[in-house]
Amino acid sequence: MDGPTAAGKHLAFHIDDRTGIWTPRQRLYTPNLLLYTWGYIVARCVGMADPRYKVALAYLEFENNPGPISVPSYDRSDGLQYYMDLSSSPVRDYLRVPIRPQPDIVIAPGYEDYFAPDQGNCCIFFAQSQGGAGVHGRPFSDGVHSTVFGIALAAGPVPDDPAQDVLFARSYYDQANQVPKVPSGQIGIQYPLTFE
């Protein structure tokens, strides 16, 4: 029996440091994979009204490599350990950045008949790269050819402790759509998540 689902996707942008303008780096959205731990996040938020478990973080996984980057295999059962294990990589790391405090809530296409104009079933999250180093200390800059190739969403119940994060969703760009850091700006992420 089919039931409700949540479908996410994301699009990368270049954010000009001087103007703040977001310019799409890709033409098509990249779909995500909801991890099993997304259910725990929703249960804490809906069942217990626990604001510590709202989706508040984006992980921008990067590699310091000018060439195409191979994407790891992953599935719904993967968790935080993958990101902790990046500490042993000489070239891979991730930025742990805040999501804009409140997502936009809109009506997803095809659902207009089910919601009033002030309601919606799609949260649109926004985040952008910041800082010069990843969680494990690898540099993040155009000078070392940092390229973002993976995105994840997470809850951060203990804001200063990445080891306590709970992953919501994860996905990767194919080699043609990986996003290099450029000297004149940041990498922005727009991440619509539709609840069907």
N, C-alpha and C. Protein backbone atom coordinates (compact mmCIF):
# COMPACT_ATOMS: atom_id res chain seq x y z
N MET A 1 0.84 -1.18 0.00
CA MET A 1 0.00 0.00 0.00
C MET A 1 0.88 1.24 0.00
N ASP A 2 0.59 2.15 -0.90
CA ASP A 2 1.35 3.40 -0.95
C ASP A 2 0.86 4.32 0.16
N GLY A 3 1.80 5.07 0.71
CA GLY A 3 1.45 6.00 1.77
C GLY A 3 2.12 7.33 1.55
N PRO A 4 2.04 8.21 2.52
CA PRO A 4 2.66 9.52 2.39
C PRO A 4 4.18 9.38 2.25
N THR A 5 4.76 10.29 1.52
CA THR A 5 6.21 10.33 1.37
C THR A 5 6.69 11.76 1.49
N ALA A 6 7.99 11.88 1.60
CA ALA A 6 8.63 13.19 1.54
C ALA A 6 9.68 13.09 0.46
N ALA A 7 9.61 13.98 -0.51
CA ALA A 7 10.55 13.95 -1.63
C ALA A 7 11.34 15.24 -1.64
N GLY A 8 12.66 15.11 -1.65
CA GLY A 8 13.50 16.30 -1.66
C GLY A 8 14.39 16.34 -2.88
N LYS A 9 14.89 17.52 -3.15
CA LYS A 9 15.82 17.73 -4.25
C LYS A 9 16.54 19.03 -3.96
N HIS A 10 17.64 19.28 -4.65
CA HIS A 10 18.33 20.53 -4.40
C HIS A 10 19.01 21.04 -5.65
N LEU A 11 19.33 22.33 -5.61
CA LEU A 11 19.96 23.01 -6.72
C LEU A 11 21.08 23.87 -6.15
N ALA A 12 22.23 23.87 -6.81
CA ALA A 12 23.37 24.67 -6.34
C ALA A 12 23.42 26.01 -7.07
N PHE A 13 23.92 27.01 -6.36
CA PHE A 13 24.04 28.37 -6.89
C PHE A 13 25.43 28.92 -6.59
N HIS A 14 25.84 29.89 -7.38
CA HIS A 14 27.00 30.72 -7.04
C HIS A 14 26.43 31.99 -6.43
N ILE A 15 26.96 32.38 -5.27
CA ILE A 15 26.52 33.62 -4.62
C ILE A 15 27.65 34.63 -4.74
N ASP A 16 27.41 35.69 -5.46
CA ASP A 16 28.43 36.72 -5.67
C ASP A 16 28.68 37.48 -4.37
N ASP A 17 29.95 37.51 -3.92
CA ASP A 17 30.29 38.19 -2.66
C ASP A 17 29.95 39.68 -2.70
N ARG A 18 30.09 40.28 -3.86
CA ARG A 18 29.89 41.73 -3.97
C ARG A 18 28.41 42.11 -4.01
N THR A 19 27.61 41.37 -4.80
CA THR A 19 26.21 41.75 -5.00
C THR A 19 25.22 40.92 -4.18
N GLY A 20 25.64 39.72 -3.77
CA GLY A 20 24.73 38.82 -3.07
C GLY A 20 23.75 38.09 -3.99
N ILE A 21 23.92 38.25 -5.30
CA ILE A 21 23.01 37.62 -6.25
C ILE A 21 23.30 36.12 -6.35
N TRP A 22 22.22 35.32 -6.32
CA TRP A 22 22.31 33.86 -6.46
C TRP A 22 22.11 33.50 -7.93
N THR A 23 23.08 32.84 -8.55
CA THR A 23 23.02 32.41 -9.94
C THR A 23 23.07 30.89 -9.98
N PRO A 24 22.09 30.23 -10.60
CA PRO A 24 22.10 28.76 -10.64
C PRO A 24 23.36 28.22 -11.32
N ARG A 25 23.94 27.17 -10.73
CA ARG A 25 25.11 26.50 -11.29
C ARG A 25 24.70 25.27 -12.09
N GLN A 26 23.44 24.88 -11.96
CA GLN A 26 22.94 23.68 -12.62
C GLN A 26 21.59 23.98 -13.23
N ARG A 27 21.20 23.16 -14.19
CA ARG A 27 19.90 23.35 -14.83
C ARG A 27 18.83 22.48 -14.21
N LEU A 28 19.22 21.35 -13.61
CA LEU A 28 18.25 20.41 -13.08
C LEU A 28 18.49 20.19 -11.58
N TYR A 29 17.41 19.96 -10.87
CA TYR A 29 17.52 19.62 -9.45
C TYR A 29 18.10 18.21 -9.30
N THR A 30 18.82 17.99 -8.20
CA THR A 30 19.36 16.68 -7.86
C THR A 30 18.47 16.07 -6.78
N PRO A 31 17.93 14.87 -6.98
CA PRO A 31 17.06 14.27 -5.96
C PRO A 31 17.87 13.79 -4.76
N ASN A 32 17.19 13.70 -3.62
CA ASN A 32 17.86 13.23 -2.41
C ASN A 32 17.41 11.82 -2.04
N LEU A 33 18.03 11.31 -1.01
CA LEU A 33 17.62 10.05 -0.40
C LEU A 33 17.33 10.33 1.07
N LEU A 34 16.09 10.08 1.48
CA LEU A 34 15.76 10.24 2.90
C LEU A 34 16.36 9.07 3.66
N LEU A 35 17.11 9.37 4.70
CA LEU A 35 17.72 8.33 5.51
C LEU A 35 16.71 7.86 6.56
N TYR A 36 16.90 6.67 7.10
CA TYR A 36 15.96 6.16 8.10
C TYR A 36 15.86 7.09 9.30
N THR A 37 16.94 7.79 9.62
CA THR A 37 16.92 8.67 10.79
C THR A 37 16.03 9.89 10.60
N TRP A 38 15.52 10.11 9.38
CA TRP A 38 14.59 11.23 9.22
C TRP A 38 13.34 11.00 10.06
N GLY A 39 12.95 9.72 10.23
CA GLY A 39 11.77 9.41 11.04
C GLY A 39 11.93 9.83 12.49
N TYR A 40 13.15 9.70 13.01
CA TYR A 40 13.40 10.14 14.39
C TYR A 40 13.27 11.65 14.52
N ILE A 41 13.79 12.37 13.52
CA ILE A 41 13.68 13.83 13.53
C ILE A 41 12.21 14.25 13.53
N VAL A 42 11.43 13.66 12.63
CA VAL A 42 10.01 14.01 12.55
C VAL A 42 9.28 13.62 13.83
N ALA A 43 9.58 12.45 14.38
CA ALA A 43 8.93 12.03 15.63
C ALA A 43 9.23 13.00 16.76
N ARG A 44 10.47 13.45 16.87
CA ARG A 44 10.81 14.42 17.93
C ARG A 44 10.10 15.75 17.71
N CYS A 45 10.04 16.20 16.46
CA CYS A 45 9.41 17.51 16.18
C CYS A 45 7.89 17.46 16.30
N VAL A 46 7.28 16.45 15.70
CA VAL A 46 5.82 16.38 15.68
C VAL A 46 5.28 15.79 16.98
N GLY A 47 5.86 14.70 17.44
CA GLY A 47 5.34 14.02 18.62
C GLY A 47 5.67 14.67 19.93
N MET A 48 6.83 15.34 19.99
CA MET A 48 7.26 15.92 21.25
C MET A 48 7.45 17.44 21.20
N ALA A 49 7.19 18.03 20.03
CA ALA A 49 7.37 19.47 19.84
C ALA A 49 8.76 19.93 20.29
N ASP A 50 9.75 19.12 19.94
CA ASP A 50 11.13 19.38 20.37
C ASP A 50 11.85 20.21 19.31
N PRO A 51 12.01 21.51 19.51
CA PRO A 51 12.62 22.37 18.49
C PRO A 51 14.10 22.08 18.25
N ARG A 52 14.75 21.36 19.16
CA ARG A 52 16.17 21.05 18.95
C ARG A 52 16.38 20.14 17.75
N TYR A 53 15.32 19.46 17.32
CA TYR A 53 15.45 18.49 16.24
C TYR A 53 14.92 19.00 14.90
N LYS A 54 14.67 20.29 14.79
CA LYS A 54 14.28 20.80 13.48
C LYS A 54 15.48 20.72 12.54
N VAL A 55 15.20 20.61 11.26
CA VAL A 55 16.28 20.59 10.27
C VAL A 55 16.90 21.98 10.26
N ALA A 56 18.13 22.06 10.73
CA ALA A 56 18.78 23.36 10.92
C ALA A 56 20.16 23.46 10.29
N LEU A 57 20.66 22.34 9.73
CA LEU A 57 22.02 22.31 9.21
C LEU A 57 22.07 21.72 7.81
N ALA A 58 23.01 22.21 7.03
CA ALA A 58 23.34 21.59 5.75
C ALA A 58 24.80 21.17 5.81
N TYR A 59 25.08 20.02 5.29
CA TYR A 59 26.45 19.55 5.12
C TYR A 59 26.81 19.72 3.65
N LEU A 60 27.87 20.42 3.37
CA LEU A 60 28.38 20.55 2.01
C LEU A 60 29.68 19.75 1.96
N GLU A 61 29.60 18.55 1.41
CA GLU A 61 30.76 17.67 1.35
C GLU A 61 31.64 18.10 0.18
N PHE A 62 32.95 18.21 0.43
CA PHE A 62 33.84 18.68 -0.61
C PHE A 62 35.12 17.86 -0.66
N GLU A 63 35.78 17.98 -1.79
CA GLU A 63 37.09 17.36 -1.96
C GLU A 63 38.01 18.40 -2.58
N ASN A 64 39.25 18.43 -2.15
CA ASN A 64 40.25 19.33 -2.71
C ASN A 64 40.93 18.62 -3.87
N ASN A 65 40.32 18.80 -5.05
CA ASN A 65 40.73 18.05 -6.23
C ASN A 65 40.15 18.76 -7.46
N PRO A 66 40.97 19.13 -8.43
CA PRO A 66 40.44 19.85 -9.59
C PRO A 66 39.68 18.97 -10.58
N GLY A 67 39.84 17.65 -10.48
CA GLY A 67 39.22 16.76 -11.45
C GLY A 67 37.86 16.27 -11.01
N PRO A 68 37.21 15.47 -11.83
CA PRO A 68 35.93 14.89 -11.42
C PRO A 68 36.11 14.03 -10.16
N ILE A 69 35.14 14.08 -9.29
CA ILE A 69 35.22 13.40 -8.00
C ILE A 69 34.30 12.18 -8.02
N SER A 70 34.81 11.05 -7.58
CA SER A 70 33.98 9.85 -7.51
C SER A 70 33.05 9.94 -6.31
N VAL A 71 31.84 9.54 -6.52
CA VAL A 71 30.79 9.63 -5.50
C VAL A 71 30.75 8.32 -4.72
N PRO A 72 30.67 8.38 -3.38
CA PRO A 72 30.60 7.14 -2.60
C PRO A 72 29.24 6.47 -2.76
N SER A 73 29.20 5.17 -2.53
CA SER A 73 27.91 4.49 -2.48
C SER A 73 27.29 4.76 -1.11
N TYR A 74 25.97 4.80 -1.07
CA TYR A 74 25.28 5.07 0.19
C TYR A 74 23.85 4.56 0.07
N ASP A 75 23.22 4.35 1.23
CA ASP A 75 21.82 3.94 1.23
C ASP A 75 21.13 4.54 2.46
N ARG A 76 19.86 4.23 2.62
CA ARG A 76 19.05 4.86 3.67
C ARG A 76 19.54 4.55 5.08
N SER A 77 20.27 3.46 5.24
CA SER A 77 20.72 3.09 6.58
C SER A 77 22.00 3.80 6.99
N ASP A 78 22.62 4.53 6.07
CA ASP A 78 23.85 5.24 6.42
C ASP A 78 23.56 6.34 7.44
N GLY A 79 24.53 6.62 8.25
CA GLY A 79 24.34 7.63 9.28
C GLY A 79 25.52 8.56 9.38
N LEU A 80 25.66 9.12 10.55
CA LEU A 80 26.66 10.13 10.83
C LEU A 80 28.09 9.61 10.76
N GLN A 81 28.27 8.31 10.95
CA GLN A 81 29.62 7.76 10.99
C GLN A 81 30.40 8.04 9.72
N TYR A 82 29.74 8.07 8.58
CA TYR A 82 30.43 8.38 7.32
C TYR A 82 31.14 9.73 7.43
N TYR A 83 30.44 10.73 7.94
CA TYR A 83 31.02 12.08 8.04
C TYR A 83 32.11 12.14 9.10
N MET A 84 31.95 11.40 10.19
CA MET A 84 33.00 11.34 11.20
C MET A 84 34.26 10.69 10.62
N ASP A 85 34.08 9.67 9.79
CA ASP A 85 35.22 8.96 9.20
C ASP A 85 35.99 9.80 8.19
N LEU A 86 35.41 10.89 7.72
CA LEU A 86 36.14 11.78 6.80
C LEU A 86 37.36 12.40 7.48
N SER A 87 37.45 12.29 8.80
CA SER A 87 38.61 12.83 9.51
C SER A 87 39.90 12.17 9.07
N SER A 88 39.82 10.95 8.52
CA SER A 88 41.03 10.25 8.09
C SER A 88 41.37 10.50 6.62
N SER A 89 40.53 11.25 5.92
CA SER A 89 40.81 11.54 4.51
C SER A 89 41.75 12.73 4.39
N PRO A 90 42.75 12.65 3.53
CA PRO A 90 43.64 13.80 3.35
C PRO A 90 43.02 14.90 2.47
N VAL A 91 41.94 14.59 1.72
CA VAL A 91 41.40 15.57 0.78
C VAL A 91 39.90 15.84 0.92
N ARG A 92 39.17 14.99 1.66
CA ARG A 92 37.72 15.18 1.79
C ARG A 92 37.36 15.69 3.18
N ASP A 93 36.30 16.50 3.21
CA ASP A 93 35.79 17.05 4.46
C ASP A 93 34.38 17.54 4.17
N TYR A 94 33.76 18.18 5.14
CA TYR A 94 32.45 18.78 4.91
C TYR A 94 32.31 20.06 5.72
N LEU A 95 31.57 21.00 5.14
CA LEU A 95 31.18 22.21 5.86
C LEU A 95 29.87 21.90 6.56
N ARG A 96 29.75 22.33 7.78
CA ARG A 96 28.52 22.16 8.57
C ARG A 96 27.98 23.57 8.76
N VAL A 97 27.01 23.94 7.94
CA VAL A 97 26.56 25.33 7.90
C VAL A 97 25.10 25.43 8.31
N PRO A 98 24.73 26.57 8.90
CA PRO A 98 23.33 26.73 9.30
C PRO A 98 22.43 26.96 8.09
N ILE A 99 21.22 26.46 8.21
CA ILE A 99 20.18 26.75 7.23
C ILE A 99 19.53 28.06 7.66
N ARG A 100 19.08 28.84 6.68
CA ARG A 100 18.35 30.06 7.02
C ARG A 100 17.29 29.72 8.05
N PRO A 101 17.14 30.53 9.10
CA PRO A 101 16.32 30.13 10.26
C PRO A 101 14.92 29.59 9.95
N GLN A 102 14.22 30.14 9.01
CA GLN A 102 12.89 29.63 8.68
C GLN A 102 12.82 29.31 7.19
N PRO A 103 12.40 28.09 6.83
CA PRO A 103 12.24 27.79 5.40
C PRO A 103 11.02 28.52 4.84
N ASP A 104 11.02 28.72 3.53
CA ASP A 104 9.80 29.16 2.87
C ASP A 104 8.86 27.96 2.84
N ILE A 105 7.58 28.19 3.08
CA ILE A 105 6.58 27.12 2.97
C ILE A 105 5.63 27.50 1.86
N VAL A 106 5.56 26.64 0.84
CA VAL A 106 4.76 26.91 -0.35
C VAL A 106 3.94 25.68 -0.69
N ILE A 107 3.02 25.85 -1.62
CA ILE A 107 2.24 24.72 -2.13
C ILE A 107 3.01 24.12 -3.30
N ALA A 108 3.29 22.83 -3.20
CA ALA A 108 4.00 22.15 -4.29
C ALA A 108 3.11 22.06 -5.52
N PRO A 109 3.71 22.14 -6.70
CA PRO A 109 2.91 22.02 -7.93
C PRO A 109 2.08 20.73 -7.91
N GLY A 110 0.80 20.87 -8.30
CA GLY A 110 -0.11 19.73 -8.33
C GLY A 110 -0.94 19.58 -7.07
N TYR A 111 -0.65 20.38 -6.06
CA TYR A 111 -1.36 20.27 -4.78
C TYR A 111 -2.20 21.52 -4.47
N GLU A 112 -2.39 22.36 -5.45
CA GLU A 112 -3.09 23.63 -5.24
C GLU A 112 -4.52 23.44 -4.73
N ASP A 113 -5.18 22.35 -5.13
CA ASP A 113 -6.57 22.12 -4.71
C ASP A 113 -6.71 21.70 -3.26
N TYR A 114 -5.61 21.36 -2.62
CA TYR A 114 -5.68 20.80 -1.27
C TYR A 114 -5.34 21.78 -0.16
N PHE A 115 -4.83 22.95 -0.52
CA PHE A 115 -4.36 23.89 0.50
C PHE A 115 -4.89 25.29 0.26
N ALA A 116 -5.11 26.02 1.35
CA ALA A 116 -5.45 27.44 1.27
C ALA A 116 -4.19 28.21 0.84
N PRO A 117 -4.34 29.41 0.31
CA PRO A 117 -3.18 30.17 -0.16
C PRO A 117 -2.11 30.42 0.90
N ASP A 118 -2.50 30.44 2.18
CA ASP A 118 -1.51 30.69 3.23
C ASP A 118 -0.96 29.40 3.83
N GLN A 119 -1.24 28.25 3.20
CA GLN A 119 -0.74 26.96 3.65
C GLN A 119 0.25 26.41 2.63
N GLY A 120 0.76 25.22 2.89
CA GLY A 120 1.64 24.59 1.92
C GLY A 120 2.14 23.25 2.41
N ASN A 121 2.74 22.49 1.50
CA ASN A 121 3.29 21.18 1.83
C ASN A 121 4.74 21.03 1.36
N CYS A 122 5.37 22.15 1.06
CA CYS A 122 6.76 22.12 0.61
C CYS A 122 7.57 23.15 1.39
N CYS A 123 8.60 22.67 2.08
CA CYS A 123 9.55 23.57 2.76
C CYS A 123 10.72 23.80 1.82
N ILE A 124 11.10 25.04 1.63
CA ILE A 124 12.28 25.34 0.81
C ILE A 124 13.36 25.87 1.74
N PHE A 125 14.41 25.07 1.91
CA PHE A 125 15.54 25.43 2.77
C PHE A 125 16.62 26.12 1.94
N PHE A 126 17.33 27.05 2.58
CA PHE A 126 18.44 27.75 1.93
C PHE A 126 19.65 27.70 2.85
N ALA A 127 20.81 27.45 2.26
CA ALA A 127 22.07 27.47 3.02
C ALA A 127 23.17 27.92 2.08
N GLN A 128 24.28 28.35 2.66
CA GLN A 128 25.42 28.72 1.82
C GLN A 128 26.73 28.40 2.52
N SER A 129 27.75 28.17 1.70
CA SER A 129 29.08 27.88 2.25
C SER A 129 29.57 29.08 3.05
N GLN A 130 30.37 28.78 4.04
CA GLN A 130 31.00 29.84 4.83
C GLN A 130 32.21 29.25 5.53
N GLY A 131 33.18 30.09 5.78
CA GLY A 131 34.39 29.66 6.46
C GLY A 131 35.43 29.11 5.50
N GLY A 132 36.63 28.95 6.00
CA GLY A 132 37.75 28.52 5.19
C GLY A 132 38.22 27.11 5.46
N ALA A 133 37.49 26.37 6.30
CA ALA A 133 37.91 24.99 6.60
C ALA A 133 36.70 24.16 6.95
N GLY A 134 36.81 22.85 6.66
CA GLY A 134 35.75 21.91 6.99
C GLY A 134 35.78 21.53 8.46
N VAL A 135 34.85 20.70 8.86
CA VAL A 135 34.73 20.24 10.24
C VAL A 135 36.02 19.58 10.72
N HIS A 136 36.70 18.85 9.85
CA HIS A 136 37.93 18.14 10.22
C HIS A 136 39.20 18.92 9.88
N GLY A 137 39.04 20.19 9.52
CA GLY A 137 40.20 21.06 9.33
C GLY A 137 40.78 21.13 7.93
N ARG A 138 40.18 20.43 6.94
CA ARG A 138 40.69 20.54 5.58
C ARG A 138 40.34 21.92 5.04
N PRO A 139 41.25 22.57 4.31
CA PRO A 139 40.95 23.91 3.78
C PRO A 139 39.82 23.85 2.76
N PHE A 140 39.01 24.91 2.75
CA PHE A 140 37.95 25.06 1.77
C PHE A 140 38.18 26.38 1.05
N SER A 141 38.72 26.30 -0.17
CA SER A 141 39.00 27.52 -0.95
C SER A 141 39.23 27.16 -2.40
N ASP A 142 39.15 28.18 -3.24
CA ASP A 142 39.44 27.96 -4.66
C ASP A 142 40.92 27.66 -4.86
N GLY A 143 41.79 28.13 -3.97
CA GLY A 143 43.22 27.92 -4.10
C GLY A 143 43.66 26.47 -4.01
N VAL A 144 42.84 25.63 -3.34
CA VAL A 144 43.15 24.19 -3.25
C VAL A 144 42.14 23.36 -4.04
N HIS A 145 41.40 24.05 -4.94
CA HIS A 145 40.43 23.39 -5.83
C HIS A 145 39.31 22.68 -5.08
N SER A 146 38.81 23.31 -4.01
CA SER A 146 37.69 22.70 -3.27
C SER A 146 36.47 22.61 -4.19
N THR A 147 35.88 21.43 -4.23
CA THR A 147 34.70 21.19 -5.06
C THR A 147 33.64 20.49 -4.22
N VAL A 148 32.45 21.10 -4.16
CA VAL A 148 31.33 20.49 -3.43
C VAL A 148 30.69 19.44 -4.34
N PHE A 149 30.54 18.23 -3.82
CA PHE A 149 29.96 17.15 -4.61
C PHE A 149 28.84 16.43 -3.88
N GLY A 150 28.60 16.73 -2.60
CA GLY A 150 27.53 16.09 -1.85
C GLY A 150 26.86 17.05 -0.90
N ILE A 151 25.58 16.81 -0.66
CA ILE A 151 24.78 17.66 0.22
C ILE A 151 24.00 16.76 1.18
N ALA A 152 23.88 17.19 2.42
CA ALA A 152 23.01 16.49 3.37
C ALA A 152 22.29 17.54 4.22
N LEU A 153 21.14 17.17 4.75
CA LEU A 153 20.42 17.99 5.72
C LEU A 153 20.46 17.26 7.06
N ALA A 154 20.51 18.03 8.14
CA ALA A 154 20.61 17.41 9.46
C ALA A 154 19.96 18.29 10.51
N ALA A 155 19.60 17.64 11.62
CA ALA A 155 19.23 18.35 12.84
C ALA A 155 20.47 18.41 13.71
N GLY A 156 20.61 19.50 14.44
CA GLY A 156 21.75 19.66 15.33
C GLY A 156 21.30 19.94 16.74
N PRO A 157 20.83 18.91 17.47
CA PRO A 157 20.28 19.15 18.80
C PRO A 157 21.28 19.76 19.79
N VAL A 158 22.57 19.52 19.58
CA VAL A 158 23.61 20.14 20.39
C VAL A 158 24.43 21.00 19.42
N PRO A 159 24.13 22.30 19.32
CA PRO A 159 24.68 23.13 18.25
C PRO A 159 26.20 23.06 18.06
N ASP A 160 26.97 22.95 19.12
CA ASP A 160 28.42 22.96 19.00
C ASP A 160 29.05 21.57 18.94
N ASP A 161 28.23 20.53 18.78
CA ASP A 161 28.76 19.17 18.77
C ASP A 161 28.27 18.39 17.55
N PRO A 162 29.05 18.38 16.45
CA PRO A 162 28.63 17.66 15.26
C PRO A 162 28.39 16.17 15.50
N ALA A 163 29.02 15.60 16.50
CA ALA A 163 28.84 14.18 16.77
C ALA A 163 27.44 13.85 17.27
N GLN A 164 26.65 14.86 17.65
CA GLN A 164 25.28 14.66 18.11
C GLN A 164 24.25 14.92 17.02
N ASP A 165 24.69 15.32 15.83
CA ASP A 165 23.76 15.60 14.74
C ASP A 165 22.98 14.34 14.36
N VAL A 166 21.81 14.55 13.77
CA VAL A 166 21.00 13.46 13.25
C VAL A 166 20.70 13.79 11.79
N LEU A 167 21.06 12.88 10.90
CA LEU A 167 20.90 13.13 9.46
C LEU A 167 19.46 12.94 9.01
N PHE A 168 19.05 13.80 8.11
CA PHE A 168 17.70 13.77 7.54
C PHE A 168 17.72 13.19 6.13
N ALA A 169 18.57 13.75 5.27
CA ALA A 169 18.63 13.34 3.87
C ALA A 169 20.04 13.56 3.34
N ARG A 170 20.35 12.88 2.23
CA ARG A 170 21.70 12.95 1.67
C ARG A 170 21.60 12.74 0.16
N SER A 171 22.48 13.40 -0.58
CA SER A 171 22.55 13.16 -2.02
C SER A 171 23.87 13.68 -2.59
N TYR A 172 24.12 13.30 -3.83
CA TYR A 172 25.38 13.65 -4.49
C TYR A 172 25.12 14.15 -5.90
N TYR A 173 25.99 15.07 -6.33
CA TYR A 173 25.96 15.55 -7.71
C TYR A 173 26.75 14.59 -8.59
N ASP A 174 26.23 14.33 -9.80
CA ASP A 174 27.03 13.57 -10.73
C ASP A 174 28.23 14.42 -11.15
N GLN A 175 29.19 13.82 -11.80
CA GLN A 175 30.45 14.52 -12.07
C GLN A 175 30.26 15.78 -12.91
N ALA A 176 29.28 15.80 -13.78
CA ALA A 176 29.05 16.98 -14.63
C ALA A 176 28.48 18.16 -13.85
N ASN A 177 27.93 17.90 -12.66
CA ASN A 177 27.26 18.97 -11.90
C ASN A 177 27.92 19.30 -10.57
N GLN A 178 29.12 18.81 -10.33
CA GLN A 178 29.84 19.14 -9.10
C GLN A 178 30.22 20.62 -9.13
N VAL A 179 30.31 21.23 -7.94
CA VAL A 179 30.37 22.69 -7.86
C VAL A 179 31.70 23.15 -7.26
N PRO A 180 32.60 23.72 -8.08
CA PRO A 180 33.87 24.21 -7.54
C PRO A 180 33.69 25.54 -6.79
N LYS A 181 34.48 25.71 -5.76
CA LYS A 181 34.53 27.00 -5.05
C LYS A 181 35.22 27.99 -5.97
N VAL A 182 34.67 29.17 -6.08
CA VAL A 182 35.27 30.23 -6.90
C VAL A 182 35.75 31.36 -6.01
N PRO A 183 36.73 32.15 -6.46
CA PRO A 183 37.29 33.18 -5.57
C PRO A 183 36.32 34.32 -5.25
N SER A 184 35.32 34.54 -6.10
CA SER A 184 34.48 35.73 -5.93
C SER A 184 33.15 35.46 -5.25
N GLY A 185 33.00 34.31 -4.60
CA GLY A 185 31.71 34.07 -3.97
C GLY A 185 31.64 32.77 -3.21
N GLN A 186 30.41 32.48 -2.79
CA GLN A 186 30.12 31.28 -2.02
C GLN A 186 29.23 30.34 -2.83
N ILE A 187 29.04 29.15 -2.31
CA ILE A 187 28.15 28.18 -2.92
C ILE A 187 26.85 28.18 -2.12
N GLY A 188 25.75 28.40 -2.82
CA GLY A 188 24.44 28.40 -2.18
C GLY A 188 23.67 27.15 -2.54
N ILE A 189 22.79 26.73 -1.64
CA ILE A 189 21.96 25.55 -1.85
C ILE A 189 20.50 25.93 -1.62
N GLN A 190 19.65 25.60 -2.58
CA GLN A 190 18.21 25.71 -2.43
C GLN A 190 17.68 24.28 -2.38
N TYR A 191 16.94 23.93 -1.33
CA TYR A 191 16.57 22.54 -1.10
C TYR A 191 15.08 22.43 -0.80
N PRO A 192 14.23 22.30 -1.84
CA PRO A 192 12.80 22.08 -1.58
C PRO A 192 12.54 20.67 -1.09
N LEU A 193 11.69 20.53 -0.10
CA LEU A 193 11.31 19.23 0.43
C LEU A 193 9.79 19.17 0.47
N THR A 194 9.23 18.30 -0.36
CA THR A 194 7.77 18.21 -0.51
C THR A 194 7.23 17.03 0.28
N PHE A 195 6.19 17.28 1.07
CA PHE A 195 5.50 16.23 1.81
C PHE A 195 4.22 15.89 1.05
N GLU A 196 4.15 14.64 0.59
CA GLU A 196 3.04 14.24 -0.28
C GLU A 196 2.04 13.38 0.47
